[in-house]
Protein backbone atom coordinates (compact mmCIF):
# COMPACT_ATOMS: atom_id res chain seq x y z
CA MET A 1 0.00 0.00 0.00
CA LYS A 2 2.90 2.31 0.76
CA GLN A 3 4.10 2.13 -2.87
CA ILE A 4 0.65 3.09 -4.15
CA LEU A 5 0.56 6.16 -1.89
CA ALA A 6 4.22 7.20 -2.16
CA THR A 7 4.54 10.60 -3.77
CA THR A 8 6.83 13.57 -4.11
CA ASN A 9 6.22 17.25 -3.45
CA ASP A 10 6.17 18.04 -7.19
CA ILE A 11 3.80 20.92 -7.94
CA THR A 12 3.79 20.15 -11.69
CA LEU A 13 2.37 16.68 -11.05
CA ALA A 14 -0.18 18.23 -8.71
CA VAL A 15 -1.35 20.62 -11.44
CA ALA A 16 -1.69 17.77 -13.96
CA ARG A 17 -3.59 15.69 -11.39
CA LEU A 18 -5.89 18.56 -10.41
CA VAL A 19 -6.78 19.50 -13.99
CA LEU A 20 -7.47 15.88 -14.93
CA GLY A 21 -9.46 15.43 -11.72
CA ILE A 22 -11.62 18.49 -12.32
CA ILE A 23 -12.34 17.45 -15.92
CA PHE A 24 -13.36 13.94 -14.90
CA PHE A 25 -15.32 15.01 -11.85
CA LEU A 26 -17.40 17.34 -14.04
CA HIS A 27 -17.85 14.68 -16.72
CA GLY A 28 -18.61 12.07 -14.08
CA ALA A 29 -21.19 14.43 -12.54
CA GLN A 30 -22.97 14.50 -15.90
CA LEU A 31 -23.05 10.72 -15.98
CA THR A 32 -23.82 10.12 -12.30
CA LEU A 33 -25.94 13.08 -11.21
CA GLY A 34 -27.27 14.50 -14.46
CA TRP A 35 -25.49 17.81 -13.85
CA PHE A 36 -24.38 20.06 -16.72
CA GLY A 37 -26.84 18.58 -19.20
CA GLY A 38 -25.97 14.94 -18.53
CA TYR A 39 -28.38 12.00 -18.55
CA GLY A 40 -27.79 10.96 -14.95
CA PHE A 41 -26.98 7.51 -13.68
CA SER A 42 -29.88 5.48 -15.08
CA GLY A 43 -29.88 7.30 -18.42
CA THR A 44 -26.16 6.74 -18.82
CA VAL A 45 -26.37 3.06 -17.90
CA HIS A 46 -29.19 2.68 -20.43
CA PHE A 47 -27.11 4.40 -23.13
CA PHE A 48 -24.04 2.25 -22.43
CA THR A 49 -26.05 -0.98 -22.49
CA SER A 50 -28.44 -0.27 -25.37
CA GLN A 51 -26.28 1.84 -27.70
CA LEU A 52 -22.74 0.62 -26.97
CA GLY A 53 -23.50 -2.97 -25.99
CA ILE A 54 -21.58 -2.65 -22.72
CA PRO A 55 -22.89 -4.90 -19.91
CA ALA A 56 -24.57 -2.98 -17.08
CA ILE A 57 -21.92 -3.86 -14.49
CA PHE A 58 -19.18 -2.42 -16.69
CA ALA A 59 -21.29 0.65 -17.41
CA VAL A 60 -21.60 1.23 -13.65
CA ILE A 61 -17.86 0.74 -13.17
CA ALA A 62 -17.11 3.20 -15.99
CA ILE A 63 -19.45 5.83 -14.54
CA LEU A 64 -18.00 5.46 -11.04
CA ALA A 65 -14.42 5.42 -12.34
CA GLN A 66 -14.98 8.83 -13.89
CA PHE A 67 -16.93 10.39 -11.03
CA LEU A 68 -15.06 8.92 -8.05
CA GLY A 69 -11.78 8.89 -9.97
CA GLY A 70 -12.18 12.59 -10.64
CA LEU A 71 -12.85 13.25 -6.95
CA GLY A 72 -9.88 11.08 -5.97
CA LEU A 73 -7.59 13.00 -8.30
CA ILE A 74 -8.82 16.38 -7.06
CA VAL A 75 -7.97 15.57 -3.44
CA GLY A 76 -5.08 13.30 -4.33
CA LEU A 77 -6.44 10.15 -2.67
CA LEU A 78 -5.42 6.84 -4.23
CA SER A 79 -4.38 8.84 -7.27
CA ARG A 80 -2.68 5.99 -9.08
CA ILE A 81 -5.80 3.82 -8.78
CA ALA A 82 -8.04 6.71 -9.87
CA ALA A 83 -5.82 7.37 -12.89
CA PHE A 84 -5.84 3.67 -13.76
CA GLY A 85 -9.65 3.57 -13.68
CA ILE A 86 -9.94 6.62 -15.92
CA ALA A 87 -7.32 5.20 -18.30
CA CYS A 88 -9.31 1.97 -18.62
CA VAL A 89 -12.46 3.93 -19.45
CA MET A 90 -10.59 5.94 -22.08
CA LEU A 91 -9.13 2.81 -23.69
CA VAL A 92 -12.59 1.24 -23.96
CA ALA A 93 -14.00 4.50 -25.37
CA VAL A 94 -11.30 4.60 -28.04
CA VAL A 95 -11.81 0.97 -29.06
CA LYS A 96 -15.64 0.91 -28.87
CA VAL A 97 -16.44 4.35 -30.30
CA HIS A 98 -13.71 6.73 -31.40
CA LEU A 99 -11.23 4.56 -33.32
CA ALA A 100 -13.70 4.12 -36.18
CA VAL A 101 -14.06 7.90 -36.51
CA GLY A 102 -10.34 8.58 -36.83
CA PHE A 103 -7.77 10.64 -35.00
CA PHE A 104 -9.11 14.18 -35.12
CA MET A 105 -11.84 15.78 -33.05
CA ASN A 106 -14.95 16.85 -34.94
CA TRP A 107 -14.21 20.58 -34.88
CA TYR A 108 -16.26 21.42 -37.98
CA GLY A 109 -19.09 18.90 -37.70
CA ALA A 110 -17.95 17.07 -40.83
CA GLN A 111 -17.39 13.67 -39.15
CA LYS A 112 -19.81 11.12 -37.75
CA GLY A 113 -18.47 11.52 -34.21
CA GLU A 114 -15.34 12.52 -32.36
CA GLY A 115 -11.85 11.20 -33.00
CA TYR A 116 -9.57 9.87 -30.28
CA GLU A 117 -6.96 12.66 -29.97
CA TYR A 118 -8.47 13.90 -26.67
CA HIS A 119 -8.43 10.38 -25.28
CA LEU A 120 -4.73 10.04 -26.04
CA LEU A 121 -4.01 13.18 -24.02
CA VAL A 122 -6.01 11.79 -21.10
CA LEU A 123 -4.20 8.45 -21.36
CA VAL A 124 -0.82 10.18 -21.22
CA LEU A 125 -1.83 12.22 -18.16
CA CYS A 126 -3.11 9.04 -16.48
CA LEU A 127 0.13 7.26 -17.30
CA LEU A 128 2.12 10.16 -15.85
CA ILE A 129 0.19 9.96 -12.58
CA MET A 130 0.37 6.16 -12.42
CA VAL A 131 4.12 6.06 -13.05
CA LYS A 132 5.28 9.17 -11.20
CA ASP A 133 2.78 9.99 -8.44
CA ALA A 134 0.13 12.43 -7.22
CA GLY A 135 2.56 15.26 -6.51
CA ALA A 136 2.18 18.01 -3.96
CA LEU A 137 -1.04 18.95 -2.18
CA SER A 138 -2.39 15.41 -2.03
CA ILE A 139 -3.82 13.15 0.63
CA ASP A 140 -1.51 10.47 -0.77
CA ARG A 141 1.47 12.62 0.23
CA ILE A 142 0.15 13.08 3.77
CA LEU A 143 -0.56 9.36 4.16
CA SER A 144 2.78 8.29 2.70
CA LYS A 145 4.66 10.39 5.27
CA GLU A 146 3.09 8.52 8.21
């Protein structure tokens, strides 16, 4: 457990973790709570199961990984595990949805969906957190000192 929590006092890692955490907390709040125009928990589970063919248990795990993972990254609690959960969700999203569309985002509305360039950025940030650590200003840092 100590290796999972071990972290440095690196402010750059903390900024990366915080930004990723805020993004995924807000996105997870759409999926879980229906905030910011989202469908909420039941609507999202229905979409994942009926439109994407993802079993309900994995839909629930994906929703919670984004919402709770975002919260975990914001406060820096179990950051490596939170980043791993978000990375798994992004990999599935790329394979199930975005790979067929291509690399680029749909900036001009000319594609039938979004490409996977955003997902690659998220994956790299998750990898950074998983390999390096949570950085400064994290509960992981406080716990790893004890």
